[in-house]
Amino acid sequence: MGGGRGSRLSPLTRDRCKPAVPLAGKYRLVDIPISNCLNSGYNQIYVLSQFNTASLHRHIQESYKFDPYAGGFVDILSAEQTNKGDTWYQGTADAVRQNMHHFQGHSEGDLYVILSGDQLYRMDLADVVREHDASGAEVTITAKPLGLDEAEGLGLMRVNEDLEVTEFVEKPTDPEVIKGLAVGQNVLNKMKDPGGRGYCLASMGIYVFNANTLIEALKTDTTDFGKEIIPGLLGKSKMCSYVFDDYWEDIGTVKAFFESNIRLTDPVPPFNFFDEEARIFTHARFLPASKINSCIIDRAILADGCIVTDAKIKHSTLGVRSVVREKSELENVVMMGADNFETMEDIEDNLQQNRPNFGVGQHCVIKNAILDKNVRIGNNVVLDPTGLPDNFGPDVDIAIRDGVLVVCKETIVPDGFVLKA
């Protein structure tokens, strides 16, 4: 599921849909669910999206090219006008409903695995399917055990001893309701180290459906899986929970996106991009190795093609073709890089137009910030949102949201610009 407008992740979604947002220097969010599918042995993948899909189309076309004999594909299905209707996707279930005629699995025994396009996790989906088959379930909901104080705003479920779902509450806010959904010993036994705290089971928005069950459920006018389809199937279809006790992050907000990227710079990060047995795939760009000259670097990720000269980089990720120039300091920065290197002719043209080159200029100090693609930051610039109020909107090119400063895509920041408390 490619998601809607991605308003909670704005301004990063101003010119792109959520699955196309760059991640960890060289990836896109959509690479996570696609890689989980491929690593699990599933290679017939549809991405359903409708907002700002151009960069998503380009990334998928450049990244996922299959052997013609293997039968694999990654297809993007955007909302379209047909003889049966001309409306936008009204929700997750409606998006699947509108595209059922494209899918191949309509026979007895066929399954659909439905994933979200804006989460960071590594899961063996084949294991979920095996447990789905073994339980005799018609629907399996992957669920993450969360502390009772962490579960507000998520769909929560109650399960019996066989992990069959007996109750489902979509995004409760009442602490007493959440407390009443605390899990039993059968769930705690599936956890690595439950400790002494209370937990509840939160839906991860990842489902396995028997084909017939999904087809019947979509014959109604319901539009959303979590709000309508799943509660509507309670007592009618056998639904079970698959307990997933590993790292999982819903990257739905600017704060979550920022913190997830910064945590990747830890010596042992919660998500491991270095696992060669379950790789995260992306576009092979064939870029040169990064070039580092006279720098102080502490806990950072540098993607391919970076040029960093006499700078200080701390707790930061630098995306492909990132350039940081002399005497600049970056701390807690997610820099997405650029779409291309600038030629000598480009640099001459920039000089004539009094326009900074791609990247960060000289003698800059940037903290707690996201620098989107193709930004141009001049010399002697100071950017630090600490102590400043949130300020974001469709016309704001240097925004603050969730306490994080965002320099929007292709923004030009002139020499000497200062934004700090």
Protein backbone atom coordinates (compact mmCIF):
# COMPACT_ATOMS: atom_id res chain seq x y z
CA MET A 1 0.00 0.00 0.00
CA GLY A 2 1.58 3.25 -1.18
CA GLY A 3 -0.37 5.45 1.21
CA GLY A 4 -2.34 8.63 0.77
CA ARG A 5 -1.17 12.22 0.73
CA GLY A 6 1.39 11.60 3.47
CA SER A 7 0.35 14.78 5.23
CA ARG A 8 2.00 13.77 8.53
CA LEU A 9 5.32 13.45 6.69
CA SER A 10 5.01 16.81 4.94
CA PRO A 11 7.05 18.72 3.75
CA LEU A 12 9.06 15.63 2.71
CA THR A 13 5.97 14.52 0.76
CA ARG A 14 5.37 17.86 -0.93
CA ASP A 15 6.74 16.62 -4.27
CA ARG A 16 6.73 12.84 -3.75
CA CYS A 17 4.59 10.11 -2.22
CA LYS A 18 5.60 8.50 1.07
CA PRO A 19 7.12 5.32 -0.41
CA ALA A 20 9.49 7.44 -2.52
CA VAL A 21 11.00 9.34 0.43
CA PRO A 22 14.79 8.66 0.60
CA LEU A 23 16.01 6.57 3.54
CA ALA A 24 19.40 5.74 5.07
CA GLY A 25 21.47 7.55 2.45
CA LYS A 26 20.76 5.42 -0.63
CA TYR A 27 17.37 3.73 -0.28
CA ARG A 28 13.69 4.69 -0.56
CA LEU A 29 10.99 3.70 1.93
CA VAL A 30 9.39 1.43 -0.67
CA ASP A 31 12.59 -0.65 -0.83
CA ILE A 32 11.80 -2.07 2.64
CA PRO A 33 8.51 -3.89 1.89
CA ILE A 34 9.68 -4.89 -1.61
CA SER A 35 12.91 -6.36 -0.19
CA ASN A 36 10.96 -8.22 2.50
CA CYS A 37 8.85 -9.76 -0.25
CA LEU A 38 11.84 -10.74 -2.40
CA ASN A 39 13.80 -12.15 0.55
CA SER A 40 10.73 -14.22 1.45
CA GLY A 41 10.50 -15.70 -2.04
CA TYR A 42 7.59 -13.59 -3.29
CA ASN A 43 8.24 -11.75 -6.54
CA GLN A 44 4.80 -10.78 -7.85
CA ILE A 45 4.36 -7.39 -6.24
CA TYR A 46 1.93 -4.53 -6.78
CA VAL A 47 2.44 -1.04 -5.33
CA LEU A 48 -0.82 0.91 -4.94
CA SER A 49 -0.36 4.67 -4.89
CA GLN A 50 -2.04 7.81 -6.18
CA PHE A 51 -0.26 10.99 -5.01
CA ASN A 52 2.94 12.42 -6.54
CA THR A 53 3.94 9.10 -8.07
CA ALA A 54 6.51 10.25 -10.68
CA SER A 55 9.63 9.69 -8.57
CA LEU A 56 8.22 6.39 -7.27
CA HIS A 57 7.62 5.17 -10.83
CA ARG A 58 11.15 6.16 -11.83
CA HIS A 59 12.77 4.50 -8.81
CA ILE A 60 10.92 1.21 -9.22
CA GLN A 61 11.55 1.06 -12.97
CA GLU A 62 15.27 1.65 -12.41
CA SER A 63 15.60 -0.71 -9.43
CA TYR A 64 13.55 -3.83 -9.99
CA LYS A 65 14.29 -5.62 -13.24
CA PHE A 66 13.63 -9.34 -13.26
CA ASP A 67 14.81 -12.28 -15.33
CA PRO A 68 12.03 -12.78 -17.92
CA TYR A 69 11.98 -16.50 -17.13
CA ALA A 70 11.36 -15.99 -13.39
CA GLY A 71 7.89 -14.46 -13.74
CA GLY A 72 8.61 -11.71 -11.24
CA PHE A 73 7.54 -8.06 -11.37
CA VAL A 74 6.91 -4.93 -9.35
CA ASP A 75 4.00 -3.02 -10.86
CA ILE A 76 2.67 0.36 -9.76
CA LEU A 77 -1.11 0.69 -9.84
CA SER A 78 -2.22 4.30 -9.50
CA ALA A 79 -5.83 5.42 -9.25
CA GLU A 80 -7.37 5.55 -12.71
CA GLN A 81 -10.65 6.26 -14.43
CA THR A 82 -12.46 3.16 -15.70
CA ASN A 83 -15.92 2.25 -16.96
CA LYS A 84 -16.72 1.08 -13.42
CA GLY A 85 -15.67 4.29 -11.66
CA ASP A 86 -13.55 7.41 -11.73
CA THR A 87 -12.87 8.13 -8.04
CA TRP A 88 -9.61 8.35 -6.14
CA TYR A 89 -8.76 5.60 -3.68
CA GLN A 90 -10.94 6.26 -0.65
CA GLY A 91 -8.81 4.16 1.68
CA THR A 92 -6.62 1.07 1.86
CA ALA A 93 -9.44 -1.41 1.23
CA ASP A 94 -10.87 0.69 -1.59
CA ALA A 95 -7.45 0.78 -3.27
CA VAL A 96 -7.32 -3.01 -3.29
CA ARG A 97 -10.95 -3.24 -4.43
CA GLN A 98 -10.36 -0.97 -7.42
CA ASN A 99 -7.43 -3.11 -8.56
CA MET A 100 -8.74 -6.64 -7.99
CA HIS A 101 -9.13 -7.11 -11.75
CA HIS A 102 -5.35 -6.66 -12.13
CA PHE A 103 -4.43 -9.35 -9.59
CA GLN A 104 -3.89 -12.97 -10.51
CA GLY A 105 -4.90 -14.73 -7.29
CA HIS A 106 -8.59 -15.56 -7.47
CA SER A 107 -8.47 -19.34 -7.04
CA GLU A 108 -9.02 -21.55 -4.02
CA GLY A 109 -5.80 -21.69 -2.02
CA ASP A 110 -4.44 -18.37 -3.30
CA LEU A 111 -3.28 -15.81 -0.76
CA TYR A 112 -2.80 -12.05 -0.70
CA VAL A 113 -0.14 -10.46 1.49
CA ILE A 114 -0.90 -6.78 2.09
CA LEU A 115 1.93 -4.54 3.32
CA SER A 116 2.39 -0.91 4.24
CA GLY A 117 4.78 1.28 2.24
CA ASP A 118 6.08 3.46 5.09
CA GLN A 119 7.51 1.09 7.71
CA LEU A 120 11.05 0.04 8.64
CA TYR A 121 11.38 -3.62 9.59
CA ARG A 122 12.74 -6.95 8.39
CA MET A 123 10.29 -9.86 8.33
CA ASP A 124 10.23 -13.35 6.82
CA LEU A 125 6.81 -13.17 5.20
CA ALA A 126 7.03 -16.85 4.29
CA ASP A 127 7.01 -17.63 8.03
CA VAL A 128 3.85 -15.53 8.42
CA VAL A 129 2.22 -17.49 5.59
CA ARG A 130 3.30 -20.82 7.11
CA GLU A 131 1.73 -19.87 10.44
CA HIS A 132 -1.37 -18.61 8.61
CA ASP A 133 -1.77 -22.00 6.90
CA ALA A 134 -1.02 -24.00 10.06
CA SER A 135 -3.62 -22.12 12.10
CA GLY A 136 -6.36 -22.55 9.51
CA ALA A 137 -6.93 -18.81 9.57
CA GLU A 138 -8.74 -16.95 6.84
CA VAL A 139 -7.00 -13.72 7.85
CA THR A 140 -3.72 -13.26 9.72
CA ILE A 141 -2.78 -9.90 11.23
CA THR A 142 0.86 -9.31 12.10
CA ALA A 143 1.07 -7.75 15.54
CA LYS A 144 3.80 -6.04 17.52
CA PRO A 145 3.79 -6.32 21.34
CA LEU A 146 4.00 -2.78 22.70
CA GLY A 147 4.03 -1.40 26.20
CA LEU A 148 0.62 -0.21 27.41
CA ASP A 149 1.98 3.35 27.41
CA GLU A 150 3.10 3.09 23.74
CA ALA A 151 -0.08 1.85 22.09
CA GLU A 152 -2.21 4.97 21.72
CA GLY A 153 -3.15 5.65 18.10
CA LEU A 154 -2.70 2.06 16.88
CA GLY A 155 -5.17 -0.71 16.20
CA LEU A 156 -5.14 -3.09 19.18
CA MET A 157 -6.40 -6.67 19.43
CA ARG A 158 -7.29 -9.25 22.03
CA VAL A 159 -6.39 -12.88 21.28
CA ASN A 160 -7.23 -16.22 22.88
CA GLU A 161 -4.84 -19.02 23.78
CA ASP A 162 -4.59 -20.06 20.11
CA LEU A 163 -3.79 -16.47 19.06
CA GLU A 164 -7.19 -16.18 17.40
CA VAL A 165 -8.38 -12.56 17.39
CA THR A 166 -11.48 -12.11 19.57
CA GLU A 167 -11.58 -8.30 19.74
CA PHE A 168 -10.16 -5.46 17.66
CA VAL A 169 -10.20 -1.77 18.63
CA GLU A 170 -8.98 0.81 16.10
CA LYS A 171 -6.78 3.50 17.67
CA PRO A 172 -8.18 3.69 21.22
CA THR A 173 -7.22 6.70 23.34
CA ASP A 174 -8.75 5.75 26.68
CA PRO A 175 -5.98 4.32 28.94
CA GLU A 176 -8.50 2.01 30.63
CA VAL A 177 -9.52 0.51 27.29
CA ILE A 178 -5.85 -0.03 26.39
CA LYS A 179 -5.15 -1.58 29.79
CA GLY A 180 -8.07 -3.95 29.29
CA LEU A 181 -6.41 -5.31 26.14
CA ALA A 182 -3.24 -6.45 27.95
CA VAL A 183 -1.84 -9.72 26.58
CA GLY A 184 -1.66 -13.07 28.34
CA GLN A 185 1.16 -15.53 28.90
CA ASN A 186 0.72 -17.10 25.45
CA VAL A 187 1.92 -13.86 23.83
CA LEU A 188 4.62 -13.22 26.43
CA ASN A 189 6.05 -16.67 25.66
CA LYS A 190 6.68 -15.56 22.06
CA MET A 191 8.67 -12.50 23.14
CA LYS A 192 12.45 -12.44 23.52
CA ASP A 193 12.58 -10.55 26.83
CA PRO A 194 9.19 -9.34 28.07
CA GLY A 195 10.45 -8.20 31.44
CA GLY A 196 7.86 -7.25 34.04
CA ARG A 197 5.81 -4.65 32.17
CA GLY A 198 2.37 -4.95 30.63
CA TYR A 199 1.93 -5.30 26.87
CA CYS A 200 -0.80 -5.16 24.29
CA LEU A 201 -0.84 -6.35 20.68
CA ALA A 202 -0.78 -3.58 18.06
CA SER A 203 -1.61 -4.22 14.43
CA MET A 204 1.29 -3.54 12.09
CA GLY A 205 -1.04 -3.06 9.13
CA ILE A 206 0.36 -6.21 7.50
CA TYR A 207 -2.24 -8.84 6.58
CA VAL A 208 -2.47 -12.26 4.96
CA PHE A 209 -5.87 -12.98 3.40
CA ASN A 210 -7.26 -16.09 1.82
CA ALA A 211 -8.28 -14.95 -1.66
CA ASN A 212 -11.94 -15.88 -1.26
CA THR A 213 -12.17 -14.11 2.10
CA LEU A 214 -10.71 -10.92 0.69
CA ILE A 215 -12.93 -10.99 -2.39
CA GLU A 216 -16.06 -11.39 -0.26
CA ALA A 217 -14.98 -8.70 2.22
CA LEU A 218 -14.50 -6.21 -0.61
CA LYS A 219 -18.01 -6.70 -1.98
CA THR A 220 -19.20 -4.15 0.59
CA ASP A 221 -18.65 -0.38 0.36
CA THR A 222 -16.05 -0.34 3.16
CA THR A 223 -12.91 1.71 2.44
CA ASP A 224 -10.32 0.87 5.14
CA PHE A 225 -8.85 -2.39 6.44
CA GLY A 226 -8.12 -1.33 10.02
CA LYS A 227 -11.28 0.69 10.63
CA GLU A 228 -13.83 -1.44 8.80
CA ILE A 229 -12.73 -4.69 7.13
CA ILE A 230 -10.97 -6.28 10.13
CA PRO A 231 -13.65 -5.34 12.74
CA GLY A 232 -16.33 -6.41 10.28
CA LEU A 233 -14.85 -9.90 9.94
CA LEU A 234 -14.81 -10.58 13.69
CA GLY A 235 -17.06 -13.55 14.44
CA LYS A 236 -17.50 -14.26 10.71
CA SER A 237 -14.04 -15.35 9.59
CA LYS A 238 -11.25 -16.96 11.56
CA MET A 239 -8.62 -14.28 12.21
CA CYS A 240 -5.34 -15.02 13.93
CA SER A 241 -2.42 -12.94 15.09
CA TYR A 242 1.22 -13.41 14.09
CA VAL A 243 3.37 -12.05 16.93
CA PHE A 244 6.39 -10.12 15.65
CA ASP A 245 8.85 -9.31 18.43
CA ASP A 246 11.58 -7.47 16.56
CA TYR A 247 12.40 -3.94 15.43
CA TRP A 248 9.53 -2.19 13.68
CA GLU A 249 9.06 1.53 13.10
CA ASP A 250 6.09 3.24 11.51
CA ILE A 251 7.74 6.11 9.61
CA GLY A 252 4.62 8.20 9.33
CA THR A 253 5.84 11.50 10.80
CA VAL A 254 8.81 13.81 10.30
CA LYS A 255 10.03 13.05 13.83
CA ALA A 256 9.85 9.28 13.30
CA PHE A 257 11.62 9.57 9.96
CA PHE A 258 14.37 11.78 11.40
CA GLU A 259 14.98 9.65 14.49
CA SER A 260 14.98 6.39 12.50
CA ASN A 261 17.71 7.73 10.21
CA ILE A 262 19.82 9.11 13.06
CA ARG A 263 19.59 5.82 15.00
CA LEU A 264 21.12 4.06 12.00
CA THR A 265 24.41 5.79 12.87
CA ASP A 266 24.61 3.94 16.23
CA PRO A 267 27.45 1.38 16.55
CA VAL A 268 24.80 -1.34 16.69
CA PRO A 269 21.66 0.17 15.14
CA PRO A 270 18.20 -1.32 15.78
CA PHE A 271 17.84 -2.02 12.05
CA ASN A 272 20.70 -3.76 10.27
CA PHE A 273 21.30 -2.80 6.64
CA PHE A 274 24.44 -4.98 6.68
CA ASP A 275 22.60 -8.32 6.79
CA GLU A 276 23.73 -10.08 3.60
CA GLU A 277 21.27 -12.95 4.06
CA ALA A 278 18.29 -10.58 3.87
CA ARG A 279 19.52 -7.63 1.85
CA ILE A 280 17.63 -4.41 1.28
CA PHE A 281 17.59 -3.83 -2.47
CA THR A 282 17.55 -0.51 -4.27
CA HIS A 283 18.62 1.25 -7.45
CA ALA A 284 22.17 0.33 -8.53
CA ARG A 285 23.62 3.72 -9.44
CA PHE A 286 27.24 2.73 -10.24
CA LEU A 287 28.61 5.82 -8.48
CA PRO A 288 32.22 6.34 -7.40
CA ALA A 289 33.23 5.76 -3.80
CA SER A 290 32.89 8.69 -1.42
CA LYS A 291 35.88 11.01 -1.04
CA ILE A 292 36.77 12.31 2.43
CA ASN A 293 39.49 14.93 2.94
CA SER A 294 40.81 16.10 6.37
CA CYS A 295 37.49 15.50 8.19
CA ILE A 296 36.37 14.64 11.72
CA ILE A 297 33.58 12.09 11.46
CA ASP A 298 31.80 10.51 14.44
CA ARG A 299 28.97 8.01 13.91
CA ALA A 300 27.91 8.80 10.40
CA ILE A 301 26.64 7.07 7.28
CA LEU A 302 28.01 8.20 3.92
CA ALA A 303 26.41 6.85 0.76
CA ASP A 304 28.17 6.57 -2.61
CA GLY A 305 29.53 9.59 -4.39
CA CYS A 306 29.90 11.94 -1.41
CA ILE A 307 32.61 14.62 -1.31
CA VAL A 308 33.35 15.93 2.19
CA THR A 309 36.27 18.32 2.71
CA ASP A 310 37.72 19.58 6.01
CA ALA A 311 34.35 19.27 7.78
CA LYS A 312 32.96 17.87 11.04
CA ILE A 313 30.18 15.28 10.71
CA LYS A 314 28.48 13.87 13.81
CA HIS A 315 25.41 11.59 14.12
CA SER A 316 24.45 12.24 10.52
CA THR A 317 23.55 10.40 7.31
CA LEU A 318 24.76 11.73 3.96
CA GLY A 319 22.89 10.56 0.88
CA VAL A 320 24.23 9.90 -2.60
CA ARG A 321 26.30 12.74 -4.11
CA SER A 322 26.25 14.80 -0.90
CA VAL A 323 28.83 17.60 -0.85
CA VAL A 324 29.99 19.30 2.37
CA ARG A 325 32.64 21.98 2.05
CA GLU A 326 35.43 23.40 4.21
CA LYS A 327 34.95 24.22 7.91
CA SER A 328 31.29 23.23 8.00
CA GLU A 329 29.77 21.29 10.89
CA LEU A 330 26.80 18.89 10.67
CA GLU A 331 25.30 17.34 13.80
CA ASN A 332 22.14 15.22 13.82
CA VAL A 333 21.56 15.87 10.12
CA VAL A 334 19.83 13.74 7.49
CA MET A 335 21.22 14.95 4.17
CA MET A 336 19.59 13.36 1.12
CA GLY A 337 22.18 14.42 -1.46
CA ALA A 338 21.60 15.25 -5.11
CA ASP A 339 20.25 13.69 -8.29
CA ASN A 340 23.41 14.43 -10.27
CA PHE A 341 26.94 15.79 -9.98
CA GLU A 342 27.47 19.35 -11.16
CA THR A 343 29.88 19.83 -14.06
CA MET A 344 32.42 22.65 -14.33
CA GLU A 345 29.97 24.39 -16.68
CA ASP A 346 27.24 24.11 -14.03
CA ILE A 347 29.55 25.61 -11.42
CA GLU A 348 30.46 28.50 -13.73
CA ASP A 349 26.77 29.11 -14.37
CA ASN A 350 26.07 29.09 -10.62
CA LEU A 351 28.81 31.66 -10.08
CA GLN A 352 27.38 33.97 -12.71
CA GLN A 353 23.90 33.71 -11.21
CA ASN A 354 25.20 34.13 -7.64
CA ARG A 355 23.69 30.74 -6.79
CA PRO A 356 25.32 28.24 -4.40
CA ASN A 357 26.39 24.86 -5.72
CA PHE A 358 24.59 21.67 -4.67
CA GLY A 359 25.28 20.70 -1.06
CA VAL A 360 26.56 22.62 1.95
CA GLY A 361 28.90 25.58 1.55
CA GLN A 362 31.85 26.68 3.67
CA HIS A 363 31.75 27.63 7.39
CA CYS A 364 28.18 26.41 7.94
CA VAL A 365 26.70 25.04 11.17
CA ILE A 366 23.66 22.79 10.75
CA LYS A 367 22.00 20.81 13.55
CA ASN A 368 18.87 18.71 14.01
CA ALA A 369 17.89 19.05 10.38
CA ILE A 370 16.80 17.24 7.24
CA LEU A 371 18.31 18.55 4.00
CA ASP A 372 16.14 17.29 1.16
CA LYS A 373 17.36 16.46 -2.35
CA ASN A 374 19.21 19.05 -4.45
CA VAL A 375 19.36 21.77 -1.80
CA ARG A 376 21.90 24.56 -2.26
CA ILE A 377 23.23 26.01 0.97
CA GLY A 378 25.59 28.98 0.71
CA ASN A 379 28.55 29.90 2.91
CA ASN A 380 28.33 30.97 6.58
CA VAL A 381 24.82 29.56 7.03
CA VAL A 382 23.53 28.62 10.50
CA LEU A 383 20.48 26.32 10.83
CA ASP A 384 19.37 25.06 14.25
CA PRO A 385 15.71 24.64 15.24
CA THR A 386 16.43 24.20 18.96
CA GLY A 387 14.00 26.38 20.93
CA LEU A 388 12.06 27.51 17.86
CA PRO A 389 8.34 26.79 17.31
CA ASP A 390 7.06 24.57 14.51
CA ASN A 391 6.47 26.41 11.25
CA PHE A 392 5.52 24.50 8.12
CA GLY A 393 3.13 24.79 5.22
CA PRO A 394 2.89 24.47 1.44
CA ASP A 395 4.79 27.73 0.86
CA VAL A 396 7.48 27.33 3.56
CA ASP A 397 10.82 26.21 2.08
CA ILE A 398 12.71 26.09 5.39
CA ALA A 399 10.26 24.46 7.74
CA ILE A 400 10.26 23.24 11.33
CA ARG A 401 8.05 20.28 12.19
CA ASP A 402 8.13 18.04 15.27
CA GLY A 403 11.15 20.09 16.36
CA VAL A 404 13.10 19.10 13.24
CA LEU A 405 14.24 21.67 10.67
CA VAL A 406 13.57 20.69 7.06
CA VAL A 407 15.18 22.41 4.08
CA CYS A 408 12.77 21.43 1.33
CA LYS A 409 13.76 19.88 -1.98
CA GLU A 410 15.70 22.19 -4.36
CA THR A 411 15.62 25.10 -1.91
CA ILE A 412 18.35 27.74 -2.20
CA VAL A 413 19.70 29.10 1.10
CA PRO A 414 21.80 32.24 0.48
CA ASP A 415 25.17 33.09 2.01
CA GLY A 416 25.00 34.29 5.61
CA PHE A 417 21.44 33.04 6.29
CA VAL A 418 20.87 32.36 10.01
CA LEU A 419 17.94 30.52 11.59
CA LYS A 420 18.39 29.80 15.30
CA ALA A 421 16.90 30.81 18.64
